[in-house]
Amino acid sequence: MTAIIRIEQISEYVGQEVTIQGWVYNRTHKGKLVFLLVRDGYGFVQCVAFKNDLPEETFEEIVHITQESSVEISGLVRVDGRAPGIPGGFEIGITGIKVIQIADEYYPMSLKEHGTDFALENRHLWLRMPSQWAILRVRATVISAIREWLDTNGFINMDTPILTPAAAEGTTTLFGTPYFDEGIAYLAQTGQLYNEANIYAFKKVYCFGPTFRAEKSKTRRHLTEFWMVEPEVAFCDLDELMEIEEQFVSHIVRRALEERAPELASLGRDTSSLEMISPPFQRISYDEAVERIAEVREKTADPEEKEQLAFDWGGDFGAPHEIALTRQFDKPVFVYGYPTAVKAFYMEPWPGRPEVCKSVDLLAPEGYGEIIGGSERISDPALLLQRIHEHGLPEDAYKWYMELRRFGSVPHSGFGLGVERTVSWICGIHHIRETIPFPRTINRVYP
């Protein structure tokens, strides 16, 4: 009996006979040689069948095997720098094969170019492609790193409701559903409000799960269902929050580089920029950001870019503005002090400038834009009530939230990091829809 190994372990078995269990991703027949590229969930490896080394019926079985057939392959591990794979540079000389199932001849996601709509329609099969496999492996490491850093830095995980009675970010982007005799409940936009209750029992908490936004947006940076981690900290002001964020993000990037180098290489990701990610990150005010955008707009000779960068103080930045900003920095950059009018009701006003709030966004470099949004929260009960009224929100729905300010209120802050946007940046890919196993957009809920 040979050892059953994972392909990611193959470098440890050079010169040894092993068995892998997986699926045939590709087959190339060249006379007396057949090359199978096999994947096992942990990597891809080239397996070589030489006619003279195998019984005739075994070789013929390999010659005619179909893409995605499931197999057990035994053979000798060899080093070959030309061999494709993840990790590359190794191959298995086949000494035996057991076919578990011969896949149907017609495979929808055959090895040719496919349009985006077709690929998404077949997402359940598209996941098997090396690029999608690599992206989602990076995602898994990002999620692991998120939990690792928080769990080892004094945070405790608190699960917050998916069904909520009221909005946290805005009433126009809610998915509503009938809820027994209680009227309409909403899919959570965020767990933040509940985490603000949790900090008074645990001081430093985080929730981590799916969130939902009914935004009719078709941009490459939006999904209707996405995953977000939301830390919340008592006795924490905006400056302390930014220190937490830069250490947190640096840890996530470092873990991805350490554990997913082969996957990132297979995606063609130049990781030199990621290797620079370490604290501190530069901090600029919203006012300075507006000035920087105006300078870029003034210098560009491209009429289309000039039009895209048109901006007046008081608005929220769009993708073109964030791209123009982040191209000026090698690391993520904090933009703090956004106008109160474009931010959520619960954000603390800036002292002496009520038109500005203690908010901060972290923008990733290379044009990837916002990956974190956070703020210092209002801790004064009267001011919070005033802001609820100004936003036209139902006071009764927020009674419990306002009570948090009546019993031991303290300065506190928190943020939300979008997993998919972070993975998109780390992998260097264009569209966020590839960073989640089954994306949900305004025009797609299948499969």
Protein backbone atom coordinates (compact mmCIF):
# COMPACT_ATOMS: atom_id res chain seq x y z
CA MET A 1 0.00 0.00 0.00
CA THR A 2 1.42 3.40 -1.00
CA ALA A 3 0.81 6.52 1.04
CA ILE A 4 -2.26 8.56 0.03
CA ILE A 5 -1.02 12.14 -0.06
CA ARG A 6 -2.35 15.62 -0.75
CA ILE A 7 -0.82 17.26 -3.81
CA GLU A 8 0.27 20.23 -1.70
CA GLN A 9 2.60 17.79 0.13
CA ILE A 10 4.25 16.46 -3.02
CA SER A 11 7.66 18.07 -2.43
CA GLU A 12 8.04 15.85 0.65
CA TYR A 13 7.74 12.64 -1.41
CA VAL A 14 10.27 13.02 -4.23
CA GLY A 15 11.58 9.59 -5.22
CA GLN A 16 8.74 7.79 -3.43
CA GLU A 17 5.69 5.92 -4.67
CA VAL A 18 2.45 7.67 -3.68
CA THR A 19 -1.28 7.63 -4.39
CA ILE A 20 -3.43 10.67 -5.04
CA GLN A 21 -7.22 10.80 -5.13
CA GLY A 22 -8.79 13.38 -7.40
CA TRP A 23 -10.18 14.36 -10.77
CA VAL A 24 -8.74 14.63 -14.27
CA TYR A 25 -8.59 18.31 -15.17
CA ASN A 26 -6.93 17.86 -18.55
CA ARG A 27 -5.53 15.11 -20.77
CA THR A 28 -2.90 15.37 -23.50
CA HIS A 29 -2.05 12.33 -25.67
CA LYS A 30 1.33 12.26 -27.44
CA GLY A 31 2.01 8.84 -28.97
CA LYS A 32 3.38 6.60 -26.23
CA LEU A 33 2.86 9.30 -23.59
CA VAL A 34 -0.30 10.58 -21.95
CA PHE A 35 -0.17 13.59 -19.66
CA LEU A 36 -2.96 13.98 -17.13
CA LEU A 37 -3.29 17.15 -15.09
CA VAL A 38 -5.01 15.97 -11.94
CA ARG A 39 -6.46 18.00 -9.08
CA ASP A 40 -7.33 16.74 -5.63
CA GLY A 41 -8.72 19.82 -3.85
CA TYR A 42 -5.26 20.72 -2.52
CA GLY A 43 -3.40 21.31 -5.76
CA PHE A 44 -2.83 20.32 -9.38
CA VAL A 45 -0.12 17.89 -10.54
CA GLN A 46 1.00 16.45 -13.85
CA CYS A 47 0.77 12.65 -14.04
CA VAL A 48 2.60 10.91 -16.90
CA ALA A 49 1.61 7.54 -18.39
CA PHE A 50 4.31 5.82 -20.53
CA LYS A 51 2.94 3.05 -22.71
CA ASN A 52 5.91 0.73 -22.22
CA ASP A 53 5.56 0.88 -18.40
CA LEU A 54 1.88 -0.08 -18.20
CA PRO A 55 -0.37 -2.98 -19.22
CA GLU A 56 -1.96 -2.27 -22.58
CA GLU A 57 -5.50 -2.11 -21.17
CA THR A 58 -4.40 0.34 -18.46
CA PHE A 59 -2.72 2.62 -20.98
CA GLU A 60 -5.79 2.53 -23.26
CA GLU A 61 -8.01 3.40 -20.30
CA ILE A 62 -5.85 6.46 -19.63
CA VAL A 63 -5.84 7.43 -23.34
CA HIS A 64 -9.63 7.62 -23.39
CA ILE A 65 -10.34 9.02 -19.94
CA THR A 66 -12.62 12.06 -19.96
CA GLN A 67 -12.22 15.43 -18.29
CA GLU A 68 -13.46 15.43 -14.67
CA SER A 69 -13.38 11.65 -14.33
CA SER A 70 -12.63 10.71 -10.73
CA VAL A 71 -9.53 8.60 -10.18
CA GLU A 72 -6.99 7.18 -7.81
CA ILE A 73 -3.50 7.34 -9.33
CA SER A 74 -0.38 5.67 -8.00
CA GLY A 75 3.12 6.46 -9.16
CA LEU A 76 6.62 7.74 -8.51
CA VAL A 77 7.12 11.40 -7.61
CA ARG A 78 9.75 13.14 -9.74
CA VAL A 79 11.14 16.67 -9.94
CA ASP A 80 10.63 18.32 -13.33
CA GLY A 81 10.91 22.10 -13.58
CA ARG A 82 8.77 22.11 -16.74
CA ALA A 83 5.84 20.29 -15.16
CA PRO A 84 2.71 22.42 -14.77
CA GLY A 85 0.78 22.36 -11.53
CA ILE A 86 0.09 24.15 -8.29
CA PRO A 87 2.71 23.87 -6.93
CA GLY A 88 4.56 23.32 -10.20
CA GLY A 89 7.82 21.54 -10.83
CA PHE A 90 6.76 18.03 -9.84
CA GLU A 91 5.17 15.12 -11.67
CA ILE A 92 4.02 11.59 -10.96
CA GLY A 93 5.06 8.74 -13.21
CA ILE A 94 1.94 6.57 -13.31
CA THR A 95 2.30 2.95 -12.24
CA GLY A 96 -1.38 2.30 -11.65
CA ILE A 97 -4.81 3.89 -11.94
CA LYS A 98 -8.23 3.14 -10.52
CA VAL A 99 -11.10 4.92 -12.23
CA ILE A 100 -13.90 5.70 -9.80
CA GLN A 101 -16.23 7.21 -12.40
CA ILE A 102 -15.93 8.07 -16.08
CA ALA A 103 -17.39 11.57 -16.46
CA ASP A 104 -19.85 12.34 -19.24
CA GLU A 105 -18.15 13.17 -22.54
CA TYR A 106 -19.67 16.65 -22.73
CA TYR A 107 -18.42 18.86 -19.89
CA PRO A 108 -19.93 22.38 -19.93
CA MET A 109 -16.80 24.10 -18.56
CA SER A 110 -14.43 22.56 -21.10
CA LEU A 111 -10.95 24.05 -21.44
CA LYS A 112 -11.75 26.98 -23.69
CA GLU A 113 -12.76 30.61 -23.22
CA HIS A 114 -16.24 31.11 -21.76
CA GLY A 115 -18.27 34.27 -21.40
CA THR A 116 -18.93 35.65 -17.93
CA ASP A 117 -22.66 34.88 -18.01
CA PHE A 118 -22.00 31.29 -19.06
CA ALA A 119 -19.36 30.87 -16.37
CA LEU A 120 -21.68 32.24 -13.68
CA GLU A 121 -24.53 30.05 -14.90
CA ASN A 122 -22.17 27.12 -14.38
CA ARG A 123 -20.57 28.44 -11.21
CA HIS A 124 -20.91 25.01 -9.58
CA LEU A 125 -18.44 23.74 -12.20
CA TRP A 126 -16.43 26.95 -12.69
CA LEU A 127 -15.22 26.50 -9.10
CA ARG A 128 -13.03 23.63 -10.35
CA MET A 129 -10.92 25.87 -12.61
CA PRO A 130 -7.43 26.64 -11.27
CA SER A 131 -8.04 30.39 -11.06
CA GLN A 132 -11.28 30.07 -9.11
CA TRP A 133 -9.81 27.36 -6.90
CA ALA A 134 -6.81 29.57 -6.11
CA ILE A 135 -8.94 32.63 -5.31
CA LEU A 136 -11.15 30.71 -2.91
CA ARG A 137 -8.14 29.11 -1.22
CA VAL A 138 -6.84 32.63 -0.58
CA ARG A 139 -10.28 33.56 0.75
CA ALA A 140 -10.16 30.68 3.24
CA THR A 141 -6.79 31.87 4.52
CA VAL A 142 -8.04 35.46 4.79
CA ILE A 143 -10.95 34.26 6.93
CA SER A 144 -8.64 32.16 9.08
CA ALA A 145 -6.26 35.11 9.54
CA ILE A 146 -9.14 37.40 10.49
CA ARG A 147 -10.24 35.11 13.28
CA GLU A 148 -6.67 34.40 14.39
CA TRP A 149 -5.76 38.06 14.87
CA LEU A 150 -8.98 38.97 16.65
CA ASP A 151 -9.00 35.88 18.86
CA THR A 152 -5.43 36.50 19.99
CA ASN A 153 -5.87 40.24 20.58
CA GLY A 154 -8.57 40.19 23.21
CA PHE A 155 -11.68 40.06 20.99
CA ILE A 156 -14.49 37.58 21.54
CA ASN A 157 -16.79 36.40 18.78
CA MET A 158 -20.45 37.31 19.26
CA ASP A 159 -23.01 36.10 16.72
CA THR A 160 -25.50 38.82 15.85
CA PRO A 161 -28.97 38.41 14.27
CA ILE A 162 -29.48 37.96 10.56
CA LEU A 163 -33.13 39.02 10.95
CA THR A 164 -33.47 42.53 12.38
CA PRO A 165 -36.40 44.86 13.09
CA ALA A 166 -34.79 48.05 11.75
CA ALA A 167 -32.13 49.53 9.51
CA ALA A 168 -28.59 50.34 10.55
CA GLU A 169 -27.18 51.89 7.37
CA GLY A 170 -30.19 53.12 5.41
CA THR A 171 -33.80 52.15 4.85
CA THR A 172 -33.55 52.06 1.04
CA THR A 173 -31.16 49.10 0.88
CA LEU A 174 -33.04 46.55 2.98
CA PHE A 175 -34.38 43.13 2.06
CA GLY A 176 -37.68 42.72 3.91
CA THR A 177 -39.53 39.53 4.74
CA PRO A 178 -42.84 38.87 6.56
CA TYR A 179 -42.15 37.80 10.14
CA PHE A 180 -45.15 36.02 11.70
CA ASP A 181 -47.33 38.55 13.55
CA GLU A 182 -44.48 41.04 14.03
CA GLY A 183 -44.76 42.71 10.65
CA ILE A 184 -41.67 42.98 8.45
CA ALA A 185 -38.20 41.84 9.47
CA TYR A 186 -35.08 42.72 7.48
CA LEU A 187 -31.98 40.81 6.45
CA ALA A 188 -29.10 42.38 8.36
CA GLN A 189 -27.00 45.04 6.71
CA THR A 190 -24.61 44.85 9.64
CA GLY A 191 -24.29 43.37 13.13
CA GLN A 192 -22.82 46.59 14.47
CA LEU A 193 -25.73 47.85 16.56
CA TYR A 194 -25.92 44.53 18.41
CA ASN A 195 -22.16 44.53 18.89
CA GLU A 196 -22.48 47.92 20.55
CA ALA A 197 -24.61 46.16 23.16
CA ASN A 198 -22.08 43.34 23.42
CA ILE A 199 -19.13 45.61 24.26
CA TYR A 200 -20.76 46.63 27.52
CA ALA A 201 -20.52 43.01 28.61
CA PHE A 202 -17.26 41.96 26.87
CA LYS A 203 -15.42 45.21 25.95
CA LYS A 204 -13.87 43.92 22.69
CA VAL A 205 -16.07 41.84 20.38
CA TYR A 206 -16.55 40.95 16.75
CA CYS A 207 -19.26 39.38 14.63
CA PHE A 208 -18.56 37.62 11.36
CA GLY A 209 -21.11 36.53 8.82
CA PRO A 210 -23.17 37.31 5.74
CA THR A 211 -24.68 40.74 5.30
CA PHE A 212 -27.20 41.94 2.75
CA ARG A 213 -27.64 45.17 0.79
CA ALA A 214 -30.50 45.68 -1.63
CA GLU A 215 -28.53 48.16 -3.71
CA LYS A 216 -29.30 48.14 -7.42
CA SER A 217 -25.63 48.37 -8.26
CA LYS A 218 -23.91 46.58 -11.12
CA THR A 219 -20.35 47.67 -10.37
CA ARG A 220 -17.45 45.22 -10.07
CA ARG A 221 -17.24 46.05 -6.34
CA HIS A 222 -20.78 45.22 -5.24
CA LEU A 223 -22.68 42.09 -4.24
CA THR A 224 -26.11 41.84 -2.66
CA GLU A 225 -24.86 39.18 -0.24
CA PHE A 226 -21.34 39.42 1.11
CA TRP A 227 -19.32 38.53 4.20
CA MET A 228 -18.15 41.10 6.68
CA VAL A 229 -16.22 41.01 9.94
CA GLU A 230 -17.15 43.75 12.40
CA PRO A 231 -15.00 44.41 15.47
CA GLU A 232 -16.32 46.82 18.12
CA VAL A 233 -14.29 48.20 21.04
CA ALA A 234 -15.27 50.05 24.24
CA PHE A 235 -13.03 52.84 25.51
CA CYS A 236 -11.67 53.38 21.98
CA ASP A 237 -11.43 56.60 19.99
CA LEU A 238 -10.87 57.09 16.25
CA ASP A 239 -7.06 57.20 16.47
CA GLU A 240 -6.94 53.93 18.42
CA LEU A 241 -9.33 52.39 15.91
CA MET A 242 -7.00 53.18 13.02
CA GLU A 243 -4.11 51.56 14.88
CA ILE A 244 -6.18 48.40 15.28
CA GLU A 245 -7.13 48.40 11.59
CA GLU A 246 -3.59 48.76 10.24
CA GLN A 247 -2.28 45.93 12.40
CA PHE A 248 -5.27 43.77 11.53
CA VAL A 249 -4.96 44.23 7.77
CA SER A 250 -1.18 43.79 7.84
CA HIS A 251 -1.61 40.44 9.59
CA ILE A 252 -4.15 39.26 7.03
CA VAL A 253 -1.88 40.13 4.10
CA ARG A 254 1.15 38.54 5.77
CA ARG A 255 -0.71 35.27 6.34
CA ALA A 256 -1.89 35.18 2.72
CA LEU A 257 1.67 35.67 1.49
CA GLU A 258 3.01 32.97 3.81
CA GLU A 259 0.38 30.32 3.13
CA ARG A 260 -0.88 30.97 -0.40
CA ALA A 261 2.22 31.85 -2.40
CA PRO A 262 1.62 29.05 -4.99
CA GLU A 263 -2.01 30.12 -5.45
CA LEU A 264 -1.09 33.79 -5.84
CA ALA A 265 1.65 32.86 -8.31
CA SER A 266 -0.83 30.80 -10.35
CA LEU A 267 -3.04 33.90 -10.58
CA GLY A 268 -0.11 35.92 -11.90
CA ARG A 269 -0.23 38.19 -8.87
CA ASP A 270 2.83 40.42 -8.43
CA THR A 271 3.16 40.24 -4.65
CA SER A 272 5.90 42.88 -4.33
CA SER A 273 3.33 45.52 -3.39
CA LEU A 274 1.73 43.21 -0.82
CA GLU A 275 5.11 42.56 0.79
CA MET A 276 5.26 46.26 1.68
CA ILE A 277 2.10 46.16 3.77
CA SER A 278 2.97 46.89 7.39
CA PRO A 279 2.05 49.61 9.89
CA PRO A 280 1.86 52.54 9.91
CA PHE A 281 -0.52 53.52 7.10
CA GLN A 282 -0.73 57.15 6.06
CA ARG A 283 -3.72 59.14 7.35
CA ILE A 284 -5.27 61.99 5.38
CA SER A 285 -8.39 63.99 6.09
CA TYR A 286 -11.38 64.04 3.78
CA ASP A 287 -10.54 67.70 3.12
CA GLU A 288 -7.03 66.77 1.96
CA ALA A 289 -8.43 63.91 -0.12
CA VAL A 290 -10.74 66.33 -1.96
CA GLU A 291 -7.75 68.57 -2.70
CA ARG A 292 -5.68 65.64 -3.97
CA ILE A 293 -8.49 64.53 -6.28
CA ALA A 294 -8.83 68.08 -7.62
CA GLU A 295 -5.08 68.16 -8.36
CA VAL A 296 -5.27 64.87 -10.30
CA ARG A 297 -8.26 66.17 -12.23
CA GLU A 298 -6.44 69.40 -13.05
CA LYS A 299 -3.42 67.54 -14.42
CA THR A 300 -5.20 64.95 -16.56
CA ALA A 301 -5.55 65.58 -20.28
CA ASP A 302 -8.19 62.85 -20.67
CA PRO A 303 -11.65 64.48 -20.96
CA GLU A 304 -13.40 61.31 -19.77
CA GLU A 305 -11.20 61.04 -16.68
CA LYS A 306 -11.64 64.75 -16.02
CA GLU A 307 -15.41 64.28 -16.06
CA GLN A 308 -15.26 61.20 -13.81
CA LEU A 309 -13.17 63.06 -11.25
CA ALA A 310 -15.51 66.05 -10.99
CA PHE A 311 -16.25 66.40 -7.29
CA ASP A 312 -17.65 68.89 -4.79
CA TRP A 313 -16.97 68.90 -1.08
CA GLY A 314 -19.76 67.12 0.78
CA GLY A 315 -20.20 64.09 -1.43
CA ASP A 316 -19.04 60.54 -0.96
CA PHE A 317 -16.21 59.23 -3.10
CA GLY A 318 -16.95 56.91 -5.99
CA ALA A 319 -14.62 54.35 -7.52
CA PRO A 320 -12.81 56.85 -9.83
CA HIS A 321 -12.04 59.13 -6.87
CA GLU A 322 -10.77 56.27 -4.70
CA ILE A 323 -8.60 55.01 -7.56
CA ALA A 324 -7.11 58.46 -8.07
CA LEU A 325 -6.31 58.65 -4.36
CA THR A 326 -4.89 55.18 -3.84
CA ARG A 327 -2.54 55.46 -6.82
CA GLN A 328 -0.68 58.06 -4.78
CA PHE A 329 0.23 55.57 -2.04
CA ASP A 330 2.12 52.26 -1.85
CA LYS A 331 0.14 51.06 1.17
CA PRO A 332 -3.48 51.30 2.23
CA VAL A 333 -4.40 54.85 3.22
CA PHE A 334 -6.85 56.10 5.84
CA VAL A 335 -9.26 58.86 4.85
CA TYR A 336 -10.95 60.27 7.95
CA GLY A 337 -13.46 62.97 8.78
CA TYR A 338 -16.15 62.48 6.12
CA PRO A 339 -19.14 64.83 5.89
CA THR A 340 -21.86 63.90 8.37
CA ALA A 341 -24.48 64.06 5.62
CA VAL A 342 -23.06 61.06 3.72
CA LYS A 343 -22.49 58.80 6.72
CA ALA A 344 -24.70 56.77 9.05
CA PHE A 345 -26.68 58.32 11.90
CA TYR A 346 -24.60 56.82 14.73
CA MET A 347 -21.25 58.51 13.98
CA GLU A 348 -19.75 60.96 16.49
CA PRO A 349 -19.51 64.58 15.23
CA TRP A 350 -16.07 66.15 14.90
CA PRO A 351 -15.44 68.61 17.76
CA GLY A 352 -16.16 72.12 16.53
CA ARG A 353 -17.25 70.87 13.09
CA PRO A 354 -20.72 69.34 13.25
CA GLU A 355 -20.75 69.03 9.44
CA VAL A 356 -17.95 66.42 9.77
CA CYS A 357 -18.06 63.12 11.67
CA LYS A 358 -15.44 60.87 13.25
CA SER A 359 -15.52 58.38 10.41
CA VAL A 360 -12.71 56.64 8.57
CA ASP A 361 -12.40 54.51 5.45
CA LEU A 362 -9.35 52.39 4.66
CA LEU A 363 -8.60 52.40 0.95
CA ALA A 364 -6.48 49.62 -0.53
CA PRO A 365 -3.72 50.55 -3.00
CA GLU A 366 -3.51 49.69 -6.71
CA GLY A 367 -6.94 51.20 -7.29
CA TYR A 368 -8.92 48.69 -5.20
CA GLY A 369 -10.51 51.34 -2.99
CA GLU A 370 -12.46 50.92 0.22
CA ILE A 371 -12.02 47.66 2.11
CA ILE A 372 -12.93 48.99 5.59
CA GLY A 373 -15.44 51.52 6.83
CA GLY A 374 -15.48 52.53 10.48
CA SER A 375 -16.13 55.28 12.96
CA GLU A 376 -16.24 56.43 16.53
CA ARG A 377 -19.86 56.03 17.65
CA ILE A 378 -22.07 58.61 19.30
CA SER A 379 -21.98 58.06 23.07
CA ASP A 380 -24.35 60.88 24.13
CA PRO A 381 -28.00 59.71 24.37
CA ALA A 382 -29.54 63.11 23.53
CA LEU A 383 -27.39 63.54 20.44
CA LEU A 384 -28.14 60.01 19.28
CA LEU A 385 -31.89 60.63 19.57
CA GLN A 386 -31.50 63.85 17.60
CA ARG A 387 -29.66 62.02 14.82
CA ILE A 388 -32.31 59.29 14.68
CA HIS A 389 -34.98 61.96 14.16
CA GLU A 390 -32.87 63.76 11.53
CA HIS A 391 -32.58 60.53 9.55
CA GLY A 392 -36.34 59.88 9.76
CA LEU A 393 -35.85 56.59 11.58
CA PRO A 394 -38.55 55.10 13.86
CA GLU A 395 -37.66 55.93 17.47
CA ASP A 396 -39.44 52.88 18.88
CA ALA A 397 -37.28 50.49 16.85
CA TYR A 398 -34.13 51.97 18.39
CA LYS A 399 -35.30 52.17 22.01
CA TRP A 400 -32.95 49.39 23.09
CA TYR A 401 -30.05 50.96 21.18
CA MET A 402 -30.54 54.32 22.86
CA GLU A 403 -30.67 52.67 26.27
CA LEU A 404 -27.04 51.60 25.81
CA ARG A 405 -26.15 55.29 26.22
CA ARG A 406 -28.13 55.62 29.44
CA PHE A 407 -26.37 52.91 31.41
CA GLY A 408 -22.60 53.30 31.48
CA SER A 409 -21.99 54.97 28.13
CA VAL A 410 -18.34 55.25 27.05
CA PRO A 411 -16.51 56.35 23.91
CA HIS A 412 -16.43 53.40 21.58
CA SER A 413 -15.54 52.63 17.99
CA GLY A 414 -15.77 49.89 15.40
CA PHE A 415 -15.40 48.99 11.76
CA GLY A 416 -16.46 46.53 9.11
CA LEU A 417 -14.05 44.78 6.74
CA GLY A 418 -15.51 43.29 3.56
CA VAL A 419 -14.03 39.85 2.95
CA GLU A 420 -14.67 39.82 -0.80
CA ARG A 421 -13.11 43.24 -1.44
CA THR A 422 -10.09 42.27 0.62
CA VAL A 423 -9.64 38.99 -1.26
CA SER A 424 -10.04 40.81 -4.59
CA TRP A 425 -7.20 43.17 -3.65
CA ILE A 426 -4.88 40.45 -2.33
CA CYS A 427 -5.46 38.25 -5.40
CA GLY A 428 -5.19 41.19 -7.80
CA ILE A 429 -8.41 40.33 -9.62
CA HIS A 430 -10.81 42.73 -11.26
CA HIS A 431 -14.28 41.60 -10.17
CA ILE A 432 -15.56 40.84 -6.70
CA ARG A 433 -17.93 38.13 -7.94
CA GLU A 434 -15.02 35.66 -8.21
CA THR A 435 -14.14 35.99 -4.53
CA ILE A 436 -17.20 34.20 -3.12
CA PRO A 437 -18.23 30.62 -3.98
CA PHE A 438 -21.74 31.50 -5.18
CA PRO A 439 -22.15 35.24 -5.88
CA ARG A 440 -25.45 37.01 -5.48
CA THR A 441 -26.00 40.11 -7.62
CA ILE A 442 -29.05 42.10 -8.66
CA ASN A 443 -29.59 39.83 -11.66
CA ARG A 444 -28.31 36.47 -10.34
CA VAL A 445 -29.56 34.11 -7.67
CA TYR A 446 -28.75 30.84 -9.53
CA PRO A 447 -27.13 28.46 -8.90
